[in-house]
N, C-alpha and C. Protein backbone atom coordinates (compact mmCIF):
# COMPACT_ATOMS: atom_id res chain seq x y z
N MET A 1 103.86 108.57 165.86
CA MET A 1 103.82 107.52 164.83
C MET A 1 104.27 106.19 165.44
N LYS A 2 103.48 105.14 165.18
CA LYS A 2 103.84 103.82 165.71
C LYS A 2 104.87 103.17 164.79
N LYS A 3 105.60 102.21 165.35
CA LYS A 3 106.74 101.65 164.63
C LYS A 3 106.73 100.12 164.71
N ILE A 4 106.90 99.49 163.55
CA ILE A 4 107.03 98.04 163.46
C ILE A 4 108.42 97.71 162.93
N LEU A 5 109.06 96.72 163.54
CA LEU A 5 110.27 96.14 162.96
C LEU A 5 109.89 94.82 162.32
N TYR A 6 110.32 94.64 161.08
CA TYR A 6 110.05 93.39 160.36
C TYR A 6 111.36 92.64 160.16
N PHE A 7 111.42 91.39 160.62
CA PHE A 7 112.60 90.53 160.46
C PHE A 7 112.34 89.52 159.35
N HIS A 8 113.10 89.59 158.29
CA HIS A 8 112.92 88.72 157.12
C HIS A 8 113.42 87.31 157.37
N GLY A 9 113.13 86.44 156.43
CA GLY A 9 113.53 85.04 156.51
C GLY A 9 114.92 84.78 155.95
N PHE A 10 115.30 83.52 155.96
CA PHE A 10 116.62 83.07 155.50
C PHE A 10 116.79 83.38 154.02
N SER A 11 117.96 83.82 153.64
CA SER A 11 118.35 84.16 152.26
C SER A 11 117.54 85.31 151.68
N SER A 12 116.92 86.10 152.54
CA SER A 12 116.15 87.25 152.08
C SER A 12 116.86 88.54 152.49
N ALA A 13 116.10 89.63 152.51
CA ALA A 13 116.68 90.94 152.84
C ALA A 13 115.56 91.87 153.31
N GLY A 14 115.96 93.01 153.82
CA GLY A 14 114.98 93.99 154.27
C GLY A 14 114.08 94.50 153.15
N SER A 15 114.52 94.31 151.90
CA SER A 15 113.75 94.76 150.74
C SER A 15 112.64 93.79 150.33
N THR A 16 112.41 92.75 151.13
CA THR A 16 111.42 91.74 150.79
C THR A 16 110.03 92.34 150.53
N GLY A 17 109.29 91.67 149.69
CA GLY A 17 107.95 92.13 149.33
C GLY A 17 107.00 92.21 150.50
N THR A 18 107.16 91.35 151.50
CA THR A 18 106.28 91.39 152.66
C THR A 18 106.42 92.72 153.40
N ALA A 19 107.64 93.18 153.58
CA ALA A 19 107.86 94.47 154.24
C ALA A 19 107.25 95.60 153.42
N THR A 20 107.40 95.54 152.10
CA THR A 20 106.82 96.55 151.22
C THR A 20 105.31 96.55 151.32
N ASN A 21 104.69 95.36 151.30
CA ASN A 21 103.24 95.27 151.43
C ASN A 21 102.77 95.87 152.76
N LEU A 22 103.47 95.55 153.84
CA LEU A 22 103.10 96.10 155.14
C LEU A 22 103.20 97.62 155.13
N ARG A 23 104.26 98.16 154.54
CA ARG A 23 104.40 99.62 154.45
C ARG A 23 103.23 100.24 153.70
N ASN A 24 102.87 99.64 152.58
CA ASN A 24 101.78 100.17 151.76
C ASN A 24 100.45 100.16 152.50
N TYR A 25 100.17 99.06 153.19
CA TYR A 25 98.90 98.94 153.92
C TYR A 25 98.84 99.86 155.14
N LEU A 26 99.98 100.09 155.77
CA LEU A 26 99.97 100.80 157.04
C LEU A 26 100.34 102.28 156.92
N TYR A 27 100.67 102.72 155.72
CA TYR A 27 101.08 104.10 155.50
C TYR A 27 100.02 105.10 155.97
N GLU A 28 98.78 104.87 155.56
CA GLU A 28 97.70 105.80 155.90
C GLU A 28 97.36 105.75 157.38
N LYS A 29 97.75 104.66 158.05
CA LYS A 29 97.49 104.56 159.50
C LYS A 29 98.66 105.14 160.30
N GLU A 30 99.60 105.75 159.58
CA GLU A 30 100.76 106.39 160.18
C GLU A 30 101.58 105.41 161.03
N VAL A 31 101.84 104.26 160.44
CA VAL A 31 102.70 103.25 161.06
C VAL A 31 103.94 103.12 160.19
N ARG A 32 105.09 103.24 160.80
CA ARG A 32 106.36 103.11 160.09
C ARG A 32 106.84 101.67 160.18
N VAL A 33 107.21 101.08 159.05
CA VAL A 33 107.73 99.71 159.01
C VAL A 33 109.21 99.76 158.64
N ILE A 34 110.05 99.27 159.55
CA ILE A 34 111.50 99.26 159.33
C ILE A 34 111.93 97.81 159.18
N SER A 35 112.66 97.53 158.11
CA SER A 35 113.05 96.15 157.81
C SER A 35 114.53 96.10 157.45
N PRO A 36 115.39 95.82 158.42
CA PRO A 36 116.83 95.80 158.14
C PRO A 36 117.28 94.51 157.47
N ASP A 37 118.41 94.58 156.80
CA ASP A 37 119.09 93.37 156.35
C ASP A 37 119.69 92.69 157.58
N ILE A 38 119.33 91.45 157.83
CA ILE A 38 119.86 90.72 158.97
C ILE A 38 121.19 90.07 158.56
N PRO A 39 122.23 90.22 159.40
CA PRO A 39 123.51 89.58 159.07
C PRO A 39 123.35 88.08 158.83
N VAL A 40 124.16 87.55 157.94
CA VAL A 40 124.10 86.12 157.60
C VAL A 40 124.55 85.25 158.77
N SER A 41 125.59 85.68 159.46
CA SER A 41 126.08 84.93 160.62
C SER A 41 125.05 84.99 161.74
N PRO A 42 124.56 83.84 162.23
CA PRO A 42 123.59 83.85 163.32
C PRO A 42 124.09 84.57 164.56
N LYS A 43 125.37 84.38 164.90
CA LYS A 43 125.95 85.03 166.07
C LYS A 43 125.91 86.55 165.90
N GLU A 44 126.31 87.02 164.73
CA GLU A 44 126.26 88.45 164.45
C GLU A 44 124.83 88.96 164.41
N ALA A 45 123.92 88.15 163.87
CA ALA A 45 122.52 88.56 163.75
C ALA A 45 121.90 88.80 165.12
N VAL A 46 122.16 87.90 166.07
CA VAL A 46 121.59 88.04 167.42
C VAL A 46 122.04 89.35 168.05
N ALA A 47 123.34 89.64 167.97
CA ALA A 47 123.88 90.87 168.55
C ALA A 47 123.33 92.11 167.83
N PHE A 48 123.31 92.06 166.50
CA PHE A 48 122.81 93.18 165.70
C PHE A 48 121.36 93.49 166.03
N LEU A 49 120.51 92.44 166.06
CA LEU A 49 119.08 92.66 166.29
C LEU A 49 118.79 93.13 167.71
N LYS A 50 119.54 92.62 168.66
CA LYS A 50 119.37 93.08 170.05
C LYS A 50 119.63 94.58 170.14
N ASP A 51 120.73 95.04 169.56
CA ASP A 51 121.06 96.47 169.56
C ASP A 51 120.04 97.27 168.76
N PHE A 52 119.64 96.73 167.61
CA PHE A 52 118.70 97.42 166.73
C PHE A 52 117.36 97.64 167.43
N VAL A 53 116.87 96.60 168.10
CA VAL A 53 115.60 96.69 168.82
C VAL A 53 115.70 97.71 169.96
N GLU A 54 116.78 97.67 170.70
CA GLU A 54 116.97 98.61 171.81
C GLU A 54 117.02 100.05 171.29
N GLN A 55 117.64 100.25 170.15
CA GLN A 55 117.74 101.58 169.55
C GLN A 55 116.40 102.07 169.04
N GLU A 56 115.65 101.20 168.37
CA GLU A 56 114.40 101.62 167.71
C GLU A 56 113.19 101.63 168.64
N GLN A 57 113.19 100.80 169.70
CA GLN A 57 112.07 100.72 170.64
C GLN A 57 110.73 100.60 169.90
N PRO A 58 110.54 99.50 169.15
CA PRO A 58 109.33 99.36 168.34
C PRO A 58 108.08 99.09 169.18
N ASP A 59 106.94 99.36 168.58
CA ASP A 59 105.65 99.01 169.20
C ASP A 59 105.31 97.56 168.93
N LEU A 60 105.91 97.00 167.86
CA LEU A 60 105.62 95.62 167.47
C LEU A 60 106.78 95.10 166.62
N ILE A 61 107.09 93.81 166.80
CA ILE A 61 108.09 93.14 165.96
C ILE A 61 107.38 91.99 165.25
N ILE A 62 107.59 91.89 163.94
CA ILE A 62 107.05 90.78 163.15
C ILE A 62 108.22 90.05 162.52
N GLY A 63 108.25 88.74 162.65
CA GLY A 63 109.30 87.95 162.02
C GLY A 63 108.70 86.78 161.28
N THR A 64 109.22 86.52 160.08
CA THR A 64 108.77 85.37 159.30
C THR A 64 109.91 84.37 159.17
N SER A 65 109.58 83.09 159.30
CA SER A 65 110.53 82.00 159.16
C SER A 65 111.73 82.19 160.09
N MET A 66 112.95 82.30 159.56
CA MET A 66 114.11 82.54 160.41
C MET A 66 113.93 83.83 161.22
N GLY A 67 113.34 84.84 160.60
CA GLY A 67 113.07 86.09 161.30
C GLY A 67 112.13 85.90 162.48
N GLY A 68 111.23 84.92 162.38
CA GLY A 68 110.35 84.59 163.49
C GLY A 68 111.12 84.01 164.66
N MET A 69 112.12 83.20 164.36
CA MET A 69 112.99 82.66 165.41
C MET A 69 113.74 83.80 166.11
N TYR A 70 114.28 84.74 165.32
CA TYR A 70 114.98 85.88 165.92
C TYR A 70 114.02 86.79 166.70
N ALA A 71 112.80 86.95 166.19
CA ALA A 71 111.81 87.79 166.88
C ALA A 71 111.45 87.19 168.24
N GLU A 72 111.41 85.87 168.33
CA GLU A 72 111.07 85.22 169.60
C GLU A 72 112.05 85.62 170.71
N LEU A 73 113.26 85.94 170.35
CA LEU A 73 114.30 86.27 171.33
C LEU A 73 114.16 87.67 171.92
N GLN A 74 113.31 88.51 171.31
CA GLN A 74 113.25 89.92 171.70
C GLN A 74 112.24 90.13 172.84
N HIS A 75 112.60 89.70 174.01
CA HIS A 75 111.70 89.76 175.16
C HIS A 75 111.30 91.20 175.49
N GLY A 76 110.09 91.34 175.99
CA GLY A 76 109.60 92.64 176.42
C GLY A 76 108.85 93.42 175.36
N TYR A 77 108.75 92.87 174.15
CA TYR A 77 108.07 93.55 173.05
C TYR A 77 106.94 92.67 172.52
N LYS A 78 105.89 93.31 172.00
CA LYS A 78 104.85 92.55 171.31
C LYS A 78 105.47 91.98 170.05
N ARG A 79 105.20 90.68 169.80
CA ARG A 79 105.79 90.02 168.65
C ARG A 79 104.77 89.14 167.94
N ILE A 80 104.86 89.12 166.61
CA ILE A 80 104.10 88.17 165.79
C ILE A 80 105.12 87.29 165.09
N LEU A 81 105.06 85.99 165.34
CA LEU A 81 105.96 85.02 164.71
C LEU A 81 105.18 84.29 163.62
N VAL A 82 105.58 84.49 162.37
CA VAL A 82 104.86 83.88 161.25
C VAL A 82 105.69 82.72 160.71
N ASN A 83 105.13 81.52 160.78
CA ASN A 83 105.86 80.31 160.36
C ASN A 83 107.30 80.33 160.87
N PRO A 84 107.48 80.52 162.18
CA PRO A 84 108.84 80.65 162.72
C PRO A 84 109.66 79.37 162.55
N SER A 85 110.89 79.55 162.11
CA SER A 85 111.80 78.42 161.90
C SER A 85 112.71 78.30 163.12
N PHE A 86 112.25 77.55 164.12
CA PHE A 86 112.98 77.42 165.38
C PHE A 86 114.12 76.41 165.29
N HIS A 87 114.21 75.66 164.18
CA HIS A 87 115.23 74.61 164.06
C HIS A 87 116.06 74.81 162.79
N MET A 88 116.68 75.97 162.70
CA MET A 88 117.45 76.31 161.51
C MET A 88 118.63 75.36 161.30
N ALA A 89 119.29 74.94 162.37
CA ALA A 89 120.45 74.05 162.23
C ALA A 89 120.04 72.76 161.54
N ARG A 90 118.96 72.18 161.97
CA ARG A 90 118.47 70.93 161.38
C ARG A 90 118.04 71.15 159.92
N LEU A 91 117.35 72.25 159.68
CA LEU A 91 116.88 72.55 158.32
C LEU A 91 118.05 72.70 157.35
N LEU A 92 119.08 73.44 157.78
CA LEU A 92 120.23 73.67 156.90
C LEU A 92 121.08 72.42 156.74
N THR A 93 121.16 71.59 157.78
CA THR A 93 121.88 70.33 157.67
C THR A 93 121.20 69.44 156.64
N PHE A 94 119.88 69.44 156.66
CA PHE A 94 119.10 68.63 155.72
C PHE A 94 119.28 69.15 154.29
N ARG A 95 119.31 70.47 154.12
CA ARG A 95 119.43 71.06 152.78
C ARG A 95 120.84 70.95 152.22
N GLY A 96 121.83 70.92 153.11
CA GLY A 96 123.21 70.78 152.66
C GLY A 96 123.98 72.09 152.65
N LEU A 97 125.30 71.96 152.61
CA LEU A 97 126.19 73.11 152.63
C LEU A 97 126.39 73.66 151.23
N GLY A 98 126.92 74.90 151.17
CA GLY A 98 127.25 75.47 149.87
C GLY A 98 126.76 76.90 149.71
N ASN A 99 126.94 77.43 148.52
CA ASN A 99 126.55 78.81 148.23
C ASN A 99 125.05 78.91 148.01
N VAL A 100 124.49 80.01 148.51
CA VAL A 100 123.05 80.28 148.39
C VAL A 100 122.88 81.69 147.83
N GLU A 101 121.95 81.85 146.90
CA GLU A 101 121.66 83.18 146.36
C GLU A 101 120.63 83.89 147.23
N PHE A 102 120.86 85.18 147.46
CA PHE A 102 119.86 85.99 148.14
C PHE A 102 118.63 86.14 147.24
N GLN A 103 117.46 86.06 147.82
CA GLN A 103 116.22 86.16 147.05
C GLN A 103 115.82 87.62 146.81
N ASN A 104 116.35 88.52 147.65
CA ASN A 104 116.02 89.93 147.53
C ASN A 104 117.29 90.77 147.58
N LYS A 105 117.20 91.99 147.10
CA LYS A 105 118.36 92.87 147.02
C LYS A 105 118.82 93.30 148.41
N ARG A 106 120.10 93.12 148.67
CA ARG A 106 120.71 93.51 149.94
C ARG A 106 121.34 94.91 149.81
N GLU A 107 121.32 95.64 150.90
CA GLU A 107 121.89 96.99 150.88
C GLU A 107 123.37 96.99 150.55
N ASP A 108 124.09 95.94 150.97
CA ASP A 108 125.53 95.89 150.70
C ASP A 108 125.86 95.35 149.31
N GLY A 109 124.83 95.01 148.54
CA GLY A 109 125.04 94.53 147.18
C GLY A 109 125.40 93.06 147.07
N ALA A 110 125.48 92.35 148.20
CA ALA A 110 125.84 90.92 148.17
C ALA A 110 124.79 90.13 147.39
N LYS A 111 125.26 89.20 146.59
CA LYS A 111 124.36 88.37 145.76
C LYS A 111 124.22 86.96 146.33
N THR A 112 125.31 86.47 146.96
CA THR A 112 125.31 85.11 147.50
C THR A 112 125.96 85.08 148.88
N PHE A 113 125.75 83.99 149.58
CA PHE A 113 126.44 83.74 150.84
C PHE A 113 126.63 82.24 150.97
N LYS A 114 127.42 81.85 151.94
CA LYS A 114 127.77 80.43 152.07
C LYS A 114 127.18 79.83 153.34
N VAL A 115 126.52 78.69 153.19
CA VAL A 115 126.09 77.89 154.34
C VAL A 115 127.22 76.92 154.64
N ASP A 116 127.80 77.03 155.83
CA ASP A 116 128.91 76.16 156.20
C ASP A 116 128.67 75.59 157.59
N LYS A 117 129.61 74.78 158.04
CA LYS A 117 129.47 74.13 159.35
C LYS A 117 129.44 75.13 160.49
N GLN A 118 130.16 76.23 160.33
CA GLN A 118 130.17 77.26 161.37
C GLN A 118 128.78 77.88 161.52
N MET A 119 128.12 78.19 160.40
CA MET A 119 126.77 78.75 160.46
C MET A 119 125.82 77.80 161.18
N ILE A 120 125.89 76.53 160.82
CA ILE A 120 125.01 75.54 161.45
C ILE A 120 125.31 75.43 162.95
N ALA A 121 126.58 75.47 163.31
CA ALA A 121 126.97 75.42 164.73
C ALA A 121 126.43 76.63 165.48
N GLU A 122 126.48 77.80 164.85
CA GLU A 122 125.97 79.02 165.50
C GLU A 122 124.45 78.93 165.70
N PHE A 123 123.74 78.41 164.70
CA PHE A 123 122.29 78.22 164.87
C PHE A 123 122.00 77.23 166.00
N LYS A 124 122.79 76.15 166.07
CA LYS A 124 122.61 75.16 167.15
C LYS A 124 122.76 75.81 168.51
N GLU A 125 123.75 76.68 168.63
CA GLU A 125 124.01 77.35 169.90
C GLU A 125 122.84 78.26 170.29
N ILE A 126 122.30 78.99 169.32
CA ILE A 126 121.14 79.85 169.59
C ILE A 126 119.95 79.01 170.04
N GLU A 127 119.70 77.93 169.31
CA GLU A 127 118.55 77.07 169.63
C GLU A 127 118.68 76.45 171.02
N LYS A 128 119.91 76.13 171.40
CA LYS A 128 120.14 75.49 172.71
C LYS A 128 120.10 76.50 173.85
N ASN A 129 120.72 77.66 173.65
CA ASN A 129 120.94 78.59 174.76
C ASN A 129 120.00 79.79 174.81
N LEU A 130 119.35 80.13 173.71
CA LEU A 130 118.55 81.35 173.68
C LEU A 130 117.06 81.13 173.43
N THR A 131 116.74 80.25 172.50
CA THR A 131 115.34 80.05 172.12
C THR A 131 114.52 79.48 173.27
N PHE A 132 113.32 80.04 173.46
CA PHE A 132 112.36 79.59 174.49
C PHE A 132 112.92 79.67 175.91
N LYS A 133 113.67 80.71 176.20
CA LYS A 133 114.21 80.89 177.56
C LYS A 133 113.45 81.99 178.29
N ASN A 134 113.30 81.81 179.60
CA ASN A 134 112.71 82.83 180.47
C ASN A 134 111.35 83.32 179.99
N ILE A 135 110.49 82.38 179.64
CA ILE A 135 109.14 82.74 179.18
C ILE A 135 108.23 82.84 180.40
N THR A 136 107.98 84.05 180.80
CA THR A 136 107.10 84.33 181.94
C THR A 136 105.65 84.43 181.45
N PRO A 137 104.69 84.43 182.36
CA PRO A 137 103.30 84.68 181.94
C PRO A 137 103.15 86.01 181.20
N GLU A 138 103.93 87.01 181.59
CA GLU A 138 103.87 88.31 180.91
C GLU A 138 104.38 88.19 179.46
N GLU A 139 105.44 87.40 179.27
CA GLU A 139 105.96 87.19 177.92
C GLU A 139 104.93 86.48 177.04
N LYS A 140 104.25 85.50 177.59
CA LYS A 140 103.25 84.77 176.82
C LYS A 140 102.17 85.70 176.27
N GLU A 141 101.87 86.74 177.02
CA GLU A 141 100.86 87.70 176.58
C GLU A 141 101.34 88.54 175.40
N LEU A 142 102.64 88.62 175.20
CA LEU A 142 103.20 89.48 174.16
C LEU A 142 103.40 88.78 172.82
N VAL A 143 103.36 87.45 172.80
CA VAL A 143 103.77 86.69 171.61
C VAL A 143 102.59 85.99 170.94
N TYR A 144 102.50 86.19 169.62
CA TYR A 144 101.46 85.58 168.80
C TYR A 144 102.12 84.73 167.73
N GLY A 145 101.53 83.58 167.43
CA GLY A 145 102.06 82.69 166.40
C GLY A 145 101.05 82.49 165.28
N LEU A 146 101.47 82.76 164.04
CA LEU A 146 100.64 82.52 162.86
C LEU A 146 101.30 81.43 162.03
N PHE A 147 100.52 80.40 161.70
CA PHE A 147 101.08 79.23 161.03
C PHE A 147 100.26 78.86 159.80
N GLY A 148 100.95 78.70 158.66
CA GLY A 148 100.29 78.28 157.44
C GLY A 148 99.90 76.81 157.51
N ARG A 149 98.65 76.55 157.20
CA ARG A 149 98.16 75.17 157.26
C ARG A 149 98.95 74.24 156.36
N ASN A 150 99.42 74.76 155.21
CA ASN A 150 100.10 73.92 154.23
C ASN A 150 101.60 74.21 154.14
N ASP A 151 102.18 74.68 155.25
CA ASP A 151 103.62 74.95 155.27
C ASP A 151 104.39 73.63 155.15
N GLN A 152 105.16 73.49 154.07
CA GLN A 152 105.95 72.28 153.85
C GLN A 152 107.43 72.47 154.21
N THR A 153 107.78 73.67 154.69
CA THR A 153 109.18 73.98 154.97
C THR A 153 109.53 73.80 156.43
N VAL A 154 108.75 74.40 157.32
CA VAL A 154 109.01 74.25 158.76
C VAL A 154 107.75 73.75 159.45
N HIS A 155 107.95 73.03 160.53
CA HIS A 155 106.84 72.44 161.28
C HIS A 155 107.08 72.69 162.76
N THR A 156 106.71 73.89 163.22
CA THR A 156 107.04 74.28 164.59
C THR A 156 105.80 74.64 165.42
N GLN A 157 104.64 74.22 164.96
CA GLN A 157 103.41 74.52 165.71
C GLN A 157 103.47 73.94 167.12
N ASP A 158 103.93 72.70 167.22
CA ASP A 158 103.99 72.05 168.54
C ASP A 158 104.96 72.78 169.47
N ASP A 159 106.09 73.27 168.93
CA ASP A 159 107.05 74.02 169.73
C ASP A 159 106.40 75.28 170.30
N PHE A 160 105.66 75.96 169.43
CA PHE A 160 105.01 77.20 169.87
C PHE A 160 103.99 76.92 170.96
N ILE A 161 103.13 75.93 170.73
CA ILE A 161 102.08 75.60 171.70
C ILE A 161 102.69 75.16 173.03
N LYS A 162 103.73 74.36 172.98
CA LYS A 162 104.39 73.88 174.20
C LYS A 162 104.92 75.04 175.04
N ASN A 163 105.46 76.06 174.39
CA ASN A 163 106.10 77.16 175.10
C ASN A 163 105.20 78.37 175.34
N TYR A 164 104.26 78.59 174.43
CA TYR A 164 103.41 79.79 174.55
C TYR A 164 101.92 79.50 174.70
N GLY A 165 101.53 78.24 174.56
CA GLY A 165 100.13 77.90 174.72
C GLY A 165 99.33 78.14 173.45
N ARG A 166 98.02 77.94 173.55
CA ARG A 166 97.14 78.04 172.38
C ARG A 166 96.40 79.38 172.28
N GLU A 167 96.50 80.19 173.33
CA GLU A 167 95.70 81.42 173.36
C GLU A 167 96.00 82.35 172.19
N HIS A 168 97.28 82.47 171.81
CA HIS A 168 97.70 83.36 170.73
C HIS A 168 98.20 82.58 169.51
N PHE A 169 97.70 81.37 169.36
CA PHE A 169 98.09 80.48 168.26
C PHE A 169 97.01 80.54 167.18
N GLN A 170 97.42 80.74 165.93
CA GLN A 170 96.43 80.88 164.86
C GLN A 170 96.93 80.19 163.58
N ILE A 171 96.03 79.50 162.92
CA ILE A 171 96.32 78.86 161.62
C ILE A 171 95.73 79.73 160.52
N PHE A 172 96.49 79.90 159.43
CA PHE A 172 95.92 80.59 158.27
C PHE A 172 96.01 79.67 157.06
N GLU A 173 95.18 79.93 156.08
CA GLU A 173 95.17 79.13 154.86
C GLU A 173 96.31 79.61 153.96
N GLY A 174 97.41 78.87 153.97
CA GLY A 174 98.55 79.26 153.17
C GLY A 174 99.71 78.33 153.39
N GLU A 175 100.83 78.66 152.75
CA GLU A 175 102.03 77.85 152.83
C GLU A 175 103.09 78.57 153.66
N HIS A 176 104.36 78.30 153.39
CA HIS A 176 105.43 78.90 154.19
C HIS A 176 105.61 80.38 153.87
N ARG A 177 105.64 80.70 152.60
CA ARG A 177 105.85 82.09 152.19
C ARG A 177 104.53 82.86 152.24
N LEU A 178 104.64 84.12 152.64
CA LEU A 178 103.47 84.97 152.67
C LEU A 178 103.24 85.58 151.29
N ASN A 179 101.98 85.75 150.96
CA ASN A 179 101.64 86.51 149.76
C ASN A 179 100.78 87.70 150.18
N ASP A 180 100.44 88.54 149.22
CA ASP A 180 99.68 89.75 149.52
C ASP A 180 98.34 89.44 150.17
N LYS A 181 97.68 88.40 149.71
CA LYS A 181 96.37 88.03 150.25
C LYS A 181 96.47 87.65 151.73
N ILE A 182 97.47 86.87 152.10
CA ILE A 182 97.64 86.45 153.50
C ILE A 182 98.01 87.65 154.37
N VAL A 183 98.90 88.50 153.87
CA VAL A 183 99.27 89.69 154.63
C VAL A 183 98.01 90.51 154.93
N LYS A 184 97.19 90.70 153.90
CA LYS A 184 95.99 91.54 154.05
C LYS A 184 94.93 90.87 154.93
N HIS A 185 94.73 89.57 154.75
CA HIS A 185 93.63 88.87 155.40
C HIS A 185 93.97 88.39 156.81
N ASP A 186 95.23 87.98 157.04
CA ASP A 186 95.58 87.34 158.31
C ASP A 186 96.54 88.15 159.19
N VAL A 187 97.53 88.78 158.56
CA VAL A 187 98.54 89.49 159.35
C VAL A 187 98.07 90.89 159.72
N LEU A 188 97.52 91.61 158.76
CA LEU A 188 97.12 93.00 158.98
C LEU A 188 96.08 93.17 160.10
N PRO A 189 95.03 92.34 160.14
CA PRO A 189 94.06 92.51 161.24
C PRO A 189 94.69 92.33 162.62
N LEU A 190 95.64 91.39 162.73
CA LEU A 190 96.31 91.19 164.01
C LEU A 190 97.18 92.39 164.37
N ILE A 191 97.87 92.94 163.37
CA ILE A 191 98.68 94.15 163.60
C ILE A 191 97.79 95.26 164.13
N CYS A 192 96.67 95.49 163.46
CA CYS A 192 95.77 96.58 163.86
C CYS A 192 95.23 96.36 165.27
N LYS A 193 94.95 95.12 165.61
CA LYS A 193 94.48 94.80 166.96
C LYS A 193 95.56 95.09 168.00
N LEU A 194 96.79 94.64 167.73
CA LEU A 194 97.87 94.80 168.71
C LEU A 194 98.30 96.27 168.86
N LEU A 195 98.23 97.02 167.77
CA LEU A 195 98.64 98.43 167.82
C LEU A 195 97.47 99.33 168.15
N GLU A 196 96.26 98.75 168.20
CA GLU A 196 95.04 99.50 168.50
C GLU A 196 94.87 100.65 167.51
N ILE A 197 94.93 100.31 166.22
CA ILE A 197 94.77 101.32 165.17
C ILE A 197 93.60 100.96 164.25
């Protein structure tokens, strides 16, 4: 059985609808989709996901928004970055500090979390020291970028092209958040191609 790890976006959880849609579509193809709750602390998230990926040894990693930024860090694996948010520190600074509600149910039951200066500093450190590092020609072959034409939240197409080129760069008709139609029309065919199913 093939295995996909799905990394959710900011203020979301492993229970997100995108992960559920992927499970439903891929069930008959005998593909398992695992979607963990990512720790709120960026520093903790990087360590957690590194260990999680090493433990699970997935055939493919898919990350959306913030999850796309974390997926980019997982060298050596096939990855699909959907509307990746490579500049979380800037985005959160612009949005402001304070309490944020989770959009999806978390396994630990948490309802809210706090955006503070420490979180922004941790994102800055990741962006400076980890993002877009050691990209070999072999790595470029493993990474695909899907970008919504009407995404009003993040604008990282140029970052992707600069670091990974245009060969695996794709625009889809949509916004920042994925819906069932985009998953089915744009994400699923790429999954099937990469997993050869």
